[in-house]
Amino acid sequence: MGLPSSVLDLSNWYLTLPTGKQGNPDTIYQPELDKYTSTAFRLNSAENGVVFTATAGGVTTSGSKYPRSELREMAGDRKAGWSNKSGTHTLVARQAITKLPPKKPEIVSAQIHDGSDDVMQVRLEGKRLMAQYNDGQSEITIDPAYVLGTVFEVRIVAADSKVKVYYNGKLKATINKSGSSWYFKSGTYLQSNTSKGEKPTAAGEVVIYALKVTHS
């Protein structure tokens, strides 16, 4: 089996895993990331996509209740941080959500984060795929009947003090929100855990076939 780096350009990312110590999960930075694969971060059988897997019993970061196998944007050897008040910041991901945990079937497959919290998330709850923001208080449905395993392209454009979300090329959400110290994340960020009644092995999975970030 090949390496995820044969499919995705991982040069400006690091990976947070659902393994390690509670509150201090394993992280893989470059150049190790280019040589890394595991059950949480591996090629699919066709070797054309990277499977991100997190289980409900996995460890979490100190600031979250939920486990993840997720990439975090870097700018070379430092953590990325930018503002949508200037320039245009774009993430394009071709991905498929392939597995949800049964008790609380929710997952985040892409997001913008800032220094302390998420700014917005591309989130699946059951069959409803949405752009969620304002700490989950606001949401815009981008696909009301998403079928697990369906490949889609999401494009998140942060510019002019707004965030626009395109789904398969169509503008689906415009969020009037601005800030700084922002960065992109993508992968599997599970939104359930064993306290929700999940078995420790209950998994969420996202397959990413293409991932690109541009700043202009």
N, C-alpha and C. Protein backbone atom coordinates (compact mmCIF):
# COMPACT_ATOMS: atom_id res chain seq x y z
N MET A 1 0.85 -1.20 0.00
CA MET A 1 0.00 0.00 0.00
C MET A 1 0.88 1.24 0.00
N GLY A 2 0.50 2.22 -0.82
CA GLY A 2 1.28 3.44 -0.93
C GLY A 2 1.01 4.41 0.21
N LEU A 3 1.54 5.60 0.08
CA LEU A 3 1.44 6.62 1.11
C LEU A 3 0.41 7.70 0.73
N PRO A 4 -0.27 8.28 1.72
CA PRO A 4 -1.19 9.38 1.43
C PRO A 4 -0.53 10.53 0.65
N SER A 5 0.76 10.75 0.87
CA SER A 5 1.45 11.84 0.18
C SER A 5 1.57 11.60 -1.32
N SER A 6 1.27 10.38 -1.78
CA SER A 6 1.27 10.11 -3.22
C SER A 6 0.01 10.65 -3.88
N VAL A 7 -1.03 10.96 -3.08
CA VAL A 7 -2.30 11.48 -3.60
C VAL A 7 -2.48 12.96 -3.27
N LEU A 8 -2.15 13.36 -2.05
CA LEU A 8 -2.33 14.74 -1.60
C LEU A 8 -0.99 15.42 -1.39
N ASP A 9 -0.91 16.69 -1.78
CA ASP A 9 0.27 17.51 -1.47
C ASP A 9 0.15 17.94 -0.02
N LEU A 10 0.97 17.35 0.84
CA LEU A 10 0.87 17.58 2.28
C LEU A 10 1.92 18.57 2.78
N SER A 11 2.56 19.28 1.86
CA SER A 11 3.71 20.09 2.24
C SER A 11 3.34 21.22 3.21
N ASN A 12 2.11 21.72 3.15
CA ASN A 12 1.70 22.81 4.06
C ASN A 12 0.58 22.37 5.00
N TRP A 13 0.75 21.18 5.58
CA TRP A 13 -0.22 20.66 6.54
C TRP A 13 0.51 19.92 7.66
N TYR A 14 -0.15 19.83 8.82
CA TYR A 14 0.22 18.78 9.77
C TYR A 14 -1.04 18.03 10.16
N LEU A 15 -0.85 16.85 10.75
CA LEU A 15 -1.95 15.92 11.02
C LEU A 15 -2.13 15.74 12.52
N THR A 16 -3.38 15.86 12.98
CA THR A 16 -3.74 15.50 14.35
C THR A 16 -4.47 14.17 14.33
N LEU A 17 -4.07 13.26 15.20
CA LEU A 17 -4.59 11.89 15.20
C LEU A 17 -5.45 11.62 16.43
N PRO A 18 -6.30 10.57 16.36
CA PRO A 18 -7.13 10.21 17.52
C PRO A 18 -6.40 9.25 18.47
N THR A 19 -5.07 9.28 18.43
CA THR A 19 -4.25 8.43 19.29
C THR A 19 -3.31 9.30 20.12
N GLY A 20 -2.67 8.68 21.12
CA GLY A 20 -1.78 9.42 22.00
C GLY A 20 -2.36 9.50 23.39
N LYS A 21 -2.08 10.61 24.09
CA LYS A 21 -2.57 10.81 25.45
C LYS A 21 -3.77 11.75 25.43
N GLN A 22 -4.73 11.47 26.30
CA GLN A 22 -5.92 12.32 26.36
C GLN A 22 -5.52 13.77 26.60
N GLY A 23 -6.02 14.67 25.75
CA GLY A 23 -5.66 16.07 25.84
C GLY A 23 -4.37 16.41 25.12
N ASN A 24 -3.65 15.40 24.67
CA ASN A 24 -2.38 15.62 23.97
C ASN A 24 -2.21 14.55 22.89
N PRO A 25 -3.05 14.61 21.85
CA PRO A 25 -3.02 13.57 20.82
C PRO A 25 -1.74 13.62 19.99
N ASP A 26 -1.47 12.51 19.32
CA ASP A 26 -0.32 12.43 18.42
C ASP A 26 -0.50 13.42 17.28
N THR A 27 0.59 14.09 16.90
CA THR A 27 0.60 14.99 15.75
C THR A 27 1.79 14.63 14.87
N ILE A 28 1.60 14.72 13.57
CA ILE A 28 2.65 14.39 12.61
C ILE A 28 2.90 15.62 11.74
N TYR A 29 4.11 16.15 11.84
CA TYR A 29 4.51 17.32 11.05
C TYR A 29 5.39 16.88 9.88
N GLN A 30 5.59 17.79 8.96
CA GLN A 30 6.59 17.57 7.92
C GLN A 30 8.00 17.65 8.53
N PRO A 31 8.99 16.90 7.98
CA PRO A 31 8.88 16.04 6.78
C PRO A 31 8.34 14.64 7.06
N GLU A 32 8.07 14.31 8.35
CA GLU A 32 7.61 12.95 8.68
C GLU A 32 6.27 12.63 8.02
N LEU A 33 5.43 13.66 7.86
CA LEU A 33 4.08 13.42 7.33
C LEU A 33 4.12 12.81 5.93
N ASP A 34 5.08 13.20 5.13
CA ASP A 34 5.16 12.66 3.76
C ASP A 34 5.43 11.15 3.75
N LYS A 35 5.97 10.63 4.85
CA LYS A 35 6.30 9.20 4.91
C LYS A 35 5.32 8.43 5.80
N TYR A 36 4.26 9.12 6.27
CA TYR A 36 3.41 8.55 7.31
C TYR A 36 2.14 7.92 6.74
N THR A 37 1.77 6.77 7.30
CA THR A 37 0.45 6.19 7.09
C THR A 37 0.09 5.36 8.32
N SER A 38 -1.21 5.20 8.58
CA SER A 38 -1.68 4.41 9.73
C SER A 38 -3.14 4.06 9.48
N THR A 39 -3.75 3.37 10.41
CA THR A 39 -5.17 3.02 10.24
C THR A 39 -6.04 4.28 10.21
N ALA A 40 -5.56 5.37 10.81
CA ALA A 40 -6.33 6.62 10.85
C ALA A 40 -6.10 7.51 9.64
N PHE A 41 -5.09 7.16 8.82
CA PHE A 41 -4.66 8.05 7.74
C PHE A 41 -3.98 7.17 6.69
N ARG A 42 -4.77 6.76 5.70
CA ARG A 42 -4.26 5.74 4.77
C ARG A 42 -4.90 5.93 3.40
N LEU A 43 -4.29 5.30 2.40
CA LEU A 43 -4.90 5.29 1.08
C LEU A 43 -6.10 4.35 1.05
N ASN A 44 -7.09 4.67 0.22
CA ASN A 44 -8.19 3.73 -0.02
C ASN A 44 -7.70 2.60 -0.92
N SER A 45 -8.54 1.61 -1.14
CA SER A 45 -8.11 0.43 -1.90
C SER A 45 -7.77 0.77 -3.34
N ALA A 46 -8.43 1.80 -3.90
CA ALA A 46 -8.12 2.21 -5.27
C ALA A 46 -6.86 3.07 -5.35
N GLU A 47 -6.36 3.47 -4.20
CA GLU A 47 -5.17 4.31 -4.09
C GLU A 47 -5.31 5.64 -4.81
N ASN A 48 -6.56 6.17 -4.81
CA ASN A 48 -6.80 7.49 -5.41
C ASN A 48 -7.40 8.47 -4.41
N GLY A 49 -7.47 8.06 -3.14
CA GLY A 49 -8.00 8.92 -2.09
C GLY A 49 -7.39 8.56 -0.75
N VAL A 50 -7.41 9.52 0.16
CA VAL A 50 -6.87 9.32 1.51
C VAL A 50 -8.03 9.19 2.49
N VAL A 51 -8.03 8.10 3.25
CA VAL A 51 -9.09 7.82 4.22
C VAL A 51 -8.67 8.34 5.59
N PHE A 52 -9.47 9.26 6.13
CA PHE A 52 -9.27 9.79 7.47
C PHE A 52 -10.28 9.12 8.39
N THR A 53 -9.81 8.42 9.42
CA THR A 53 -10.70 7.67 10.32
C THR A 53 -10.48 8.10 11.76
N ALA A 54 -11.57 8.39 12.45
CA ALA A 54 -11.53 8.66 13.89
C ALA A 54 -12.60 7.82 14.56
N THR A 55 -12.27 7.23 15.69
CA THR A 55 -13.23 6.40 16.42
C THR A 55 -13.68 7.12 17.69
N ALA A 56 -14.89 6.77 18.12
CA ALA A 56 -15.51 7.46 19.25
C ALA A 56 -14.70 7.34 20.54
N GLY A 57 -13.90 6.30 20.64
CA GLY A 57 -13.07 6.11 21.83
C GLY A 57 -11.70 6.73 21.71
N GLY A 58 -11.46 7.49 20.62
CA GLY A 58 -10.15 8.10 20.41
C GLY A 58 -9.89 9.25 21.37
N VAL A 59 -8.61 9.63 21.48
CA VAL A 59 -8.26 10.76 22.35
C VAL A 59 -8.60 12.07 21.64
N THR A 60 -8.70 13.13 22.42
CA THR A 60 -9.08 14.44 21.89
C THR A 60 -8.03 15.47 22.28
N THR A 61 -8.07 16.61 21.59
CA THR A 61 -7.24 17.74 22.00
C THR A 61 -7.79 18.31 23.30
N SER A 62 -6.99 19.14 23.96
CA SER A 62 -7.42 19.69 25.25
C SER A 62 -8.65 20.58 25.11
N GLY A 63 -8.87 21.15 23.91
CA GLY A 63 -9.98 22.06 23.72
C GLY A 63 -11.22 21.44 23.12
N SER A 64 -11.26 20.11 23.00
CA SER A 64 -12.40 19.46 22.34
C SER A 64 -12.82 18.19 23.08
N LYS A 65 -14.10 17.85 22.92
CA LYS A 65 -14.61 16.59 23.48
C LYS A 65 -14.55 15.47 22.46
N TYR A 66 -14.21 15.81 21.21
CA TYR A 66 -14.38 14.86 20.12
C TYR A 66 -13.04 14.54 19.41
N PRO A 67 -12.87 13.27 19.03
CA PRO A 67 -11.63 12.85 18.38
C PRO A 67 -11.60 13.20 16.89
N ARG A 68 -10.39 13.26 16.37
CA ARG A 68 -10.24 13.65 14.97
C ARG A 68 -9.02 12.98 14.33
N SER A 69 -9.11 12.81 13.01
CA SER A 69 -7.95 12.56 12.16
C SER A 69 -8.03 13.65 11.11
N GLU A 70 -7.28 14.74 11.31
CA GLU A 70 -7.56 15.97 10.58
C GLU A 70 -6.27 16.72 10.28
N LEU A 71 -6.21 17.26 9.08
CA LEU A 71 -5.09 18.10 8.68
C LEU A 71 -5.32 19.54 9.13
N ARG A 72 -4.23 20.20 9.53
CA ARG A 72 -4.27 21.60 9.93
C ARG A 72 -3.28 22.36 9.04
N GLU A 73 -3.73 23.50 8.51
CA GLU A 73 -2.92 24.26 7.56
C GLU A 73 -1.65 24.82 8.20
N MET A 74 -0.55 24.70 7.45
CA MET A 74 0.73 25.29 7.82
C MET A 74 1.15 26.30 6.76
N ALA A 75 2.08 27.16 7.12
CA ALA A 75 2.73 28.06 6.16
C ALA A 75 4.22 27.75 6.26
N GLY A 76 4.65 26.76 5.50
CA GLY A 76 6.02 26.27 5.64
C GLY A 76 6.20 25.60 6.99
N ASP A 77 7.16 26.07 7.79
CA ASP A 77 7.42 25.43 9.08
C ASP A 77 6.72 26.12 10.25
N ARG A 78 5.79 27.03 9.96
CA ARG A 78 5.02 27.64 11.04
C ARG A 78 3.53 27.46 10.78
N LYS A 79 2.75 27.56 11.83
CA LYS A 79 1.30 27.40 11.70
C LYS A 79 0.71 28.59 10.94
N ALA A 80 -0.13 28.28 9.97
CA ALA A 80 -0.75 29.33 9.16
C ALA A 80 -1.71 30.16 10.01
N GLY A 81 -1.81 31.43 9.67
CA GLY A 81 -2.78 32.33 10.29
C GLY A 81 -2.97 33.53 9.37
N TRP A 82 -4.19 33.78 8.95
CA TRP A 82 -4.47 34.85 7.98
C TRP A 82 -5.81 35.50 8.30
N SER A 83 -6.11 36.59 7.60
CA SER A 83 -7.35 37.33 7.82
C SER A 83 -8.11 37.44 6.50
N ASN A 84 -9.43 37.32 6.57
CA ASN A 84 -10.25 37.51 5.36
C ASN A 84 -10.60 38.97 5.12
N LYS A 85 -9.98 39.87 5.90
CA LYS A 85 -10.17 41.30 5.66
C LYS A 85 -9.28 41.78 4.52
N SER A 86 -8.27 40.97 4.17
CA SER A 86 -7.42 41.30 3.02
C SER A 86 -7.07 40.01 2.29
N GLY A 87 -6.92 40.12 0.98
CA GLY A 87 -6.58 38.95 0.18
C GLY A 87 -7.75 37.98 0.03
N THR A 88 -7.49 36.93 -0.72
CA THR A 88 -8.48 35.88 -0.96
C THR A 88 -7.87 34.54 -0.56
N HIS A 89 -8.59 33.82 0.29
CA HIS A 89 -8.07 32.58 0.89
C HIS A 89 -9.04 31.46 0.56
N THR A 90 -8.57 30.47 -0.17
CA THR A 90 -9.47 29.47 -0.75
C THR A 90 -9.00 28.06 -0.43
N LEU A 91 -9.94 27.24 0.02
CA LEU A 91 -9.72 25.80 0.14
C LEU A 91 -10.66 25.10 -0.84
N VAL A 92 -10.11 24.18 -1.64
CA VAL A 92 -10.92 23.34 -2.52
C VAL A 92 -10.63 21.90 -2.15
N ALA A 93 -11.67 21.16 -1.80
CA ALA A 93 -11.53 19.75 -1.43
C ALA A 93 -12.53 18.91 -2.21
N ARG A 94 -12.03 17.84 -2.83
CA ARG A 94 -12.93 16.84 -3.41
C ARG A 94 -12.91 15.67 -2.45
N GLN A 95 -14.08 15.36 -1.91
CA GLN A 95 -14.12 14.41 -0.80
C GLN A 95 -15.44 13.65 -0.79
N ALA A 96 -15.48 12.62 0.04
CA ALA A 96 -16.71 11.87 0.28
C ALA A 96 -16.73 11.48 1.76
N ILE A 97 -17.88 11.70 2.39
CA ILE A 97 -18.07 11.21 3.75
C ILE A 97 -18.62 9.80 3.63
N THR A 98 -17.90 8.84 4.18
CA THR A 98 -18.22 7.44 3.92
C THR A 98 -18.75 6.67 5.14
N LYS A 99 -18.57 7.23 6.34
CA LYS A 99 -19.02 6.50 7.53
C LYS A 99 -19.33 7.48 8.65
N LEU A 100 -20.45 7.22 9.36
CA LEU A 100 -20.84 8.02 10.51
C LEU A 100 -21.05 7.09 11.71
N PRO A 101 -20.78 7.56 12.93
CA PRO A 101 -21.10 6.74 14.10
C PRO A 101 -22.62 6.67 14.27
N PRO A 102 -23.16 5.57 14.81
CA PRO A 102 -24.61 5.36 14.79
C PRO A 102 -25.43 6.19 15.77
N LYS A 103 -24.90 6.47 16.97
CA LYS A 103 -25.72 7.13 18.00
C LYS A 103 -25.88 8.63 17.74
N LYS A 104 -24.82 9.27 17.33
CA LYS A 104 -24.85 10.70 17.00
C LYS A 104 -24.11 10.83 15.66
N PRO A 105 -24.84 10.63 14.56
CA PRO A 105 -24.20 10.54 13.24
C PRO A 105 -23.83 11.91 12.69
N GLU A 106 -22.75 12.46 13.22
CA GLU A 106 -22.33 13.81 12.84
C GLU A 106 -20.81 13.85 12.65
N ILE A 107 -20.39 14.61 11.64
CA ILE A 107 -18.96 14.71 11.32
C ILE A 107 -18.70 16.06 10.66
N VAL A 108 -17.50 16.60 10.88
CA VAL A 108 -17.04 17.80 10.20
C VAL A 108 -15.94 17.38 9.24
N SER A 109 -16.08 17.78 7.95
CA SER A 109 -15.11 17.34 6.94
C SER A 109 -14.18 18.46 6.48
N ALA A 110 -14.53 19.71 6.79
CA ALA A 110 -13.67 20.85 6.47
C ALA A 110 -14.09 22.02 7.36
N GLN A 111 -13.14 22.87 7.71
CA GLN A 111 -13.50 24.01 8.55
C GLN A 111 -12.46 25.12 8.44
N ILE A 112 -12.90 26.32 8.86
CA ILE A 112 -11.98 27.40 9.16
C ILE A 112 -11.97 27.55 10.67
N HIS A 113 -10.78 27.68 11.22
CA HIS A 113 -10.61 27.83 12.66
C HIS A 113 -9.84 29.11 12.92
N ASP A 114 -9.95 29.64 14.13
CA ASP A 114 -9.09 30.76 14.50
C ASP A 114 -8.27 30.35 15.71
N GLY A 115 -7.69 31.31 16.40
CA GLY A 115 -6.80 30.97 17.50
C GLY A 115 -7.48 30.26 18.66
N SER A 116 -8.80 30.37 18.75
CA SER A 116 -9.49 29.79 19.92
C SER A 116 -10.65 28.87 19.59
N ASP A 117 -11.29 29.02 18.42
CA ASP A 117 -12.51 28.25 18.16
C ASP A 117 -12.73 28.13 16.65
N ASP A 118 -13.71 27.29 16.28
CA ASP A 118 -14.04 27.19 14.86
C ASP A 118 -14.78 28.44 14.41
N VAL A 119 -14.47 28.88 13.18
CA VAL A 119 -15.15 30.02 12.56
C VAL A 119 -16.37 29.53 11.79
N MET A 120 -16.17 28.48 10.99
CA MET A 120 -17.27 27.83 10.29
C MET A 120 -16.86 26.39 9.99
N GLN A 121 -17.87 25.54 9.79
CA GLN A 121 -17.63 24.12 9.53
C GLN A 121 -18.50 23.63 8.39
N VAL A 122 -17.95 22.74 7.59
CA VAL A 122 -18.76 21.94 6.67
C VAL A 122 -19.07 20.66 7.43
N ARG A 123 -20.35 20.46 7.73
CA ARG A 123 -20.74 19.46 8.72
C ARG A 123 -21.91 18.62 8.20
N LEU A 124 -21.81 17.33 8.39
CA LEU A 124 -22.92 16.42 8.06
C LEU A 124 -23.57 15.95 9.36
N GLU A 125 -24.89 16.14 9.43
CA GLU A 125 -25.68 15.61 10.54
C GLU A 125 -26.74 14.71 9.93
N GLY A 126 -26.56 13.41 10.03
CA GLY A 126 -27.46 12.46 9.39
C GLY A 126 -27.33 12.54 7.89
N LYS A 127 -28.34 13.10 7.22
CA LYS A 127 -28.30 13.27 5.77
C LYS A 127 -28.12 14.73 5.36
N ARG A 128 -28.12 15.63 6.34
CA ARG A 128 -28.09 17.06 6.02
C ARG A 128 -26.66 17.59 6.10
N LEU A 129 -26.15 18.01 4.95
CA LEU A 129 -24.83 18.62 4.86
C LEU A 129 -25.02 20.13 4.94
N MET A 130 -24.25 20.77 5.80
CA MET A 130 -24.49 22.20 6.03
C MET A 130 -23.19 22.96 6.26
N ALA A 131 -23.29 24.28 6.11
CA ALA A 131 -22.27 25.20 6.58
C ALA A 131 -22.78 25.73 7.91
N GLN A 132 -22.02 25.46 8.96
CA GLN A 132 -22.46 25.85 10.30
C GLN A 132 -21.48 26.88 10.86
N TYR A 133 -22.00 27.87 11.60
CA TYR A 133 -21.15 28.93 12.15
C TYR A 133 -21.82 29.52 13.39
N ASN A 134 -21.19 30.56 13.96
CA ASN A 134 -21.68 31.15 15.23
C ASN A 134 -21.84 30.09 16.31
N ASP A 135 -20.77 29.27 16.46
CA ASP A 135 -20.75 28.22 17.49
C ASP A 135 -21.93 27.26 17.37
N GLY A 136 -22.31 26.97 16.12
CA GLY A 136 -23.40 26.04 15.89
C GLY A 136 -24.78 26.64 15.97
N GLN A 137 -24.85 27.95 16.26
CA GLN A 137 -26.17 28.60 16.38
C GLN A 137 -26.77 28.94 15.02
N SER A 138 -25.92 29.04 14.00
CA SER A 138 -26.40 29.40 12.65
C SER A 138 -25.94 28.33 11.67
N GLU A 139 -26.81 28.00 10.73
CA GLU A 139 -26.45 26.99 9.74
C GLU A 139 -27.22 27.23 8.44
N ILE A 140 -26.54 26.86 7.34
CA ILE A 140 -27.14 26.94 6.02
C ILE A 140 -26.99 25.58 5.37
N THR A 141 -28.11 24.98 4.97
CA THR A 141 -28.07 23.66 4.35
C THR A 141 -27.47 23.76 2.95
N ILE A 142 -26.48 22.92 2.66
CA ILE A 142 -25.90 22.91 1.32
C ILE A 142 -26.29 21.66 0.54
N ASP A 143 -26.72 20.61 1.24
CA ASP A 143 -27.31 19.44 0.61
C ASP A 143 -28.24 18.79 1.63
N PRO A 144 -29.57 18.81 1.39
CA PRO A 144 -30.50 18.30 2.39
C PRO A 144 -30.58 16.77 2.44
N ALA A 145 -30.02 16.10 1.44
CA ALA A 145 -30.18 14.63 1.35
C ALA A 145 -28.89 13.98 0.87
N TYR A 146 -27.80 14.28 1.60
CA TYR A 146 -26.50 13.70 1.22
C TYR A 146 -26.51 12.20 1.46
N VAL A 147 -26.00 11.46 0.49
CA VAL A 147 -25.89 10.00 0.57
C VAL A 147 -24.43 9.64 0.85
N LEU A 148 -24.20 8.89 1.93
CA LEU A 148 -22.84 8.50 2.29
C LEU A 148 -22.10 7.89 1.09
N GLY A 149 -20.86 8.30 0.91
CA GLY A 149 -20.04 7.78 -0.16
C GLY A 149 -20.07 8.60 -1.44
N THR A 150 -20.98 9.59 -1.50
CA THR A 150 -21.08 10.44 -2.69
C THR A 150 -19.93 11.44 -2.70
N VAL A 151 -19.18 11.45 -3.79
CA VAL A 151 -18.06 12.39 -3.91
C VAL A 151 -18.60 13.78 -4.24
N PHE A 152 -18.10 14.79 -3.54
CA PHE A 152 -18.50 16.17 -3.81
C PHE A 152 -17.28 17.07 -3.75
N GLU A 153 -17.42 18.26 -4.35
CA GLU A 153 -16.38 19.27 -4.23
C GLU A 153 -16.91 20.41 -3.39
N VAL A 154 -16.18 20.76 -2.37
CA VAL A 154 -16.51 21.93 -1.56
C VAL A 154 -15.40 22.96 -1.76
N ARG A 155 -15.82 24.21 -1.99
CA ARG A 155 -14.86 25.31 -2.13
C ARG A 155 -15.24 26.37 -1.12
N ILE A 156 -14.31 26.70 -0.24
CA ILE A 156 -14.52 27.71 0.79
C ILE A 156 -13.65 28.90 0.43
N VAL A 157 -14.28 30.05 0.22
CA VAL A 157 -13.55 31.26 -0.17
C VAL A 157 -13.75 32.31 0.92
N ALA A 158 -12.65 32.70 1.58
CA ALA A 158 -12.69 33.70 2.64
C ALA A 158 -12.05 34.97 2.11
N ALA A 159 -12.85 36.01 1.87
CA ALA A 159 -12.37 37.27 1.30
C ALA A 159 -13.41 38.36 1.57
N ASP A 160 -12.97 39.60 1.55
CA ASP A 160 -13.88 40.75 1.68
C ASP A 160 -14.77 40.65 2.93
N SER A 161 -14.18 40.16 4.02
CA SER A 161 -14.90 40.03 5.30
C SER A 161 -16.12 39.12 5.20
N LYS A 162 -16.05 38.16 4.29
CA LYS A 162 -17.11 37.15 4.14
C LYS A 162 -16.48 35.77 3.97
N VAL A 163 -17.30 34.75 4.15
CA VAL A 163 -16.92 33.38 3.80
C VAL A 163 -18.00 32.83 2.88
N LYS A 164 -17.60 32.42 1.68
CA LYS A 164 -18.55 31.83 0.73
C LYS A 164 -18.25 30.35 0.59
N VAL A 165 -19.32 29.55 0.54
CA VAL A 165 -19.19 28.11 0.42
C VAL A 165 -19.86 27.66 -0.87
N TYR A 166 -19.08 27.03 -1.74
CA TYR A 166 -19.58 26.49 -3.00
C TYR A 166 -19.62 24.97 -2.90
N TYR A 167 -20.70 24.38 -3.40
CA TYR A 167 -20.89 22.93 -3.35
C TYR A 167 -21.10 22.45 -4.78
N ASN A 168 -20.17 21.65 -5.26
CA ASN A 168 -20.20 21.19 -6.65
C ASN A 168 -20.36 22.37 -7.62
N GLY A 169 -19.61 23.45 -7.33
CA GLY A 169 -19.54 24.59 -8.22
C GLY A 169 -20.62 25.64 -8.02
N LYS A 170 -21.60 25.37 -7.15
CA LYS A 170 -22.70 26.32 -6.95
C LYS A 170 -22.57 26.99 -5.59
N LEU A 171 -22.74 28.32 -5.58
CA LEU A 171 -22.70 29.06 -4.32
C LEU A 171 -23.89 28.65 -3.45
N LYS A 172 -23.60 28.15 -2.25
CA LYS A 172 -24.67 27.68 -1.36
C LYS A 172 -24.79 28.49 -0.08
N ALA A 173 -23.71 29.18 0.31
CA ALA A 173 -23.76 29.92 1.57
C ALA A 173 -22.84 31.11 1.51
N THR A 174 -23.32 32.24 2.02
CA THR A 174 -22.50 33.43 2.22
C THR A 174 -22.61 33.81 3.69
N ILE A 175 -21.48 33.80 4.37
CA ILE A 175 -21.43 34.07 5.81
C ILE A 175 -20.71 35.40 6.01
N ASN A 176 -21.41 36.35 6.61
CA ASN A 176 -20.81 37.67 6.89
C ASN A 176 -20.05 37.58 8.20
N LYS A 177 -18.76 37.28 8.07
CA LYS A 177 -17.94 37.07 9.27
C LYS A 177 -16.50 37.39 8.90
N SER A 178 -15.83 38.13 9.74
CA SER A 178 -14.43 38.46 9.48
C SER A 178 -13.61 38.23 10.73
N GLY A 179 -12.31 38.07 10.53
CA GLY A 179 -11.44 37.84 11.66
C GLY A 179 -10.01 37.65 11.21
N SER A 180 -9.16 37.29 12.16
CA SER A 180 -7.75 37.07 11.87
C SER A 180 -7.28 35.79 12.57
N SER A 181 -6.05 35.43 12.33
CA SER A 181 -5.47 34.17 12.84
C SER A 181 -6.28 32.96 12.37
N TRP A 182 -6.86 33.07 11.18
CA TRP A 182 -7.65 31.98 10.62
C TRP A 182 -6.76 30.96 9.91
N TYR A 183 -7.26 29.73 9.83
CA TYR A 183 -6.57 28.68 9.07
C TYR A 183 -7.58 27.60 8.69
N PHE A 184 -7.24 26.86 7.64
CA PHE A 184 -8.10 25.78 7.16
C PHE A 184 -7.76 24.46 7.83
N LYS A 185 -8.78 23.61 7.95
CA LYS A 185 -8.59 22.23 8.40
C LYS A 185 -9.47 21.33 7.54
N SER A 186 -9.04 20.10 7.34
CA SER A 186 -9.87 19.15 6.58
C SER A 186 -9.49 17.73 6.96
N GLY A 187 -10.50 16.86 6.96
CA GLY A 187 -10.30 15.46 7.33
C GLY A 187 -11.55 14.96 8.01
N THR A 188 -11.36 14.17 9.07
CA THR A 188 -12.48 13.66 9.86
C THR A 188 -12.40 14.24 11.26
N TYR A 189 -13.37 15.09 11.60
CA TYR A 189 -13.52 15.59 12.96
C TYR A 189 -14.85 15.07 13.46
N LEU A 190 -14.78 13.96 14.19
CA LEU A 190 -15.98 13.30 14.69
C LEU A 190 -16.72 14.23 15.64
N GLN A 191 -18.05 14.18 15.63
CA GLN A 191 -18.85 14.99 16.54
C GLN A 191 -19.63 14.11 17.51
N SER A 192 -19.02 13.00 17.89
CA SER A 192 -19.61 12.09 18.87
C SER A 192 -18.48 11.43 19.65
N ASN A 193 -18.86 10.80 20.76
CA ASN A 193 -17.88 10.08 21.58
C ASN A 193 -18.61 9.04 22.42
N THR A 194 -17.90 8.36 23.27
CA THR A 194 -18.52 7.27 24.04
C THR A 194 -19.56 7.78 25.03
N SER A 195 -19.47 9.05 25.45
CA SER A 195 -20.48 9.59 26.37
C SER A 195 -21.84 9.74 25.70
N LYS A 196 -21.85 9.69 24.36
CA LYS A 196 -23.11 9.75 23.62
C LYS A 196 -23.70 8.35 23.41
N GLY A 197 -23.06 7.34 23.99
CA GLY A 197 -23.55 5.98 23.85
C GLY A 197 -22.86 5.19 22.75
N GLU A 198 -21.86 5.80 22.10
CA GLU A 198 -21.14 5.09 21.04
C GLU A 198 -20.23 4.01 21.63
N LYS A 199 -20.05 2.94 20.88
CA LYS A 199 -18.99 2.00 21.20
C LYS A 199 -17.65 2.69 20.90
N PRO A 200 -16.59 2.34 21.63
CA PRO A 200 -15.29 2.97 21.38
C PRO A 200 -14.80 2.80 19.94
N THR A 201 -15.25 1.72 19.29
CA THR A 201 -14.81 1.44 17.92
C THR A 201 -15.70 2.09 16.85
N ALA A 202 -16.80 2.73 17.26
CA ALA A 202 -17.68 3.39 16.29
C ALA A 202 -16.88 4.48 15.57
N ALA A 203 -16.94 4.45 14.24
CA ALA A 203 -16.03 5.29 13.47
C ALA A 203 -16.75 6.28 12.57
N GLY A 204 -16.06 7.37 12.32
CA GLY A 204 -16.42 8.30 11.25
C GLY A 204 -15.29 8.30 10.25
N GLU A 205 -15.64 8.43 8.96
CA GLU A 205 -14.63 8.39 7.91
C GLU A 205 -14.94 9.39 6.81
N VAL A 206 -13.89 10.06 6.37
CA VAL A 206 -13.95 10.93 5.20
C VAL A 206 -12.80 10.52 4.27
N VAL A 207 -13.11 10.42 2.98
CA VAL A 207 -12.07 10.17 1.98
C VAL A 207 -11.83 11.47 1.22
N ILE A 208 -10.59 11.91 1.17
CA ILE A 208 -10.23 13.11 0.41
C ILE A 208 -9.45 12.70 -0.83
N TYR A 209 -9.96 13.11 -1.99
CA TYR A 209 -9.35 12.77 -3.27
C TYR A 209 -8.46 13.90 -3.80
N ALA A 210 -8.76 15.12 -3.42
CA ALA A 210 -7.95 16.28 -3.84
C ALA A 210 -8.13 17.36 -2.80
N LEU A 211 -7.05 18.10 -2.55
CA LEU A 211 -7.08 19.14 -1.52
C LEU A 211 -6.08 20.21 -1.90
N LYS A 212 -6.57 21.45 -2.00
CA LYS A 212 -5.69 22.54 -2.40
C LYS A 212 -6.08 23.82 -1.68
N VAL A 213 -5.09 24.52 -1.19
CA VAL A 213 -5.30 25.82 -0.56
C VAL A 213 -4.49 26.86 -1.34
N THR A 214 -5.12 28.01 -1.60
CA THR A 214 -4.43 29.12 -2.27
C THR A 214 -4.70 30.41 -1.50
N HIS A 215 -3.70 31.28 -1.49
CA HIS A 215 -3.82 32.61 -0.91
C HIS A 215 -3.36 33.62 -1.93
N SER A 216 -4.18 34.62 -2.19
CA SER A 216 -3.80 35.62 -3.20
C SER A 216 -4.25 37.01 -2.76
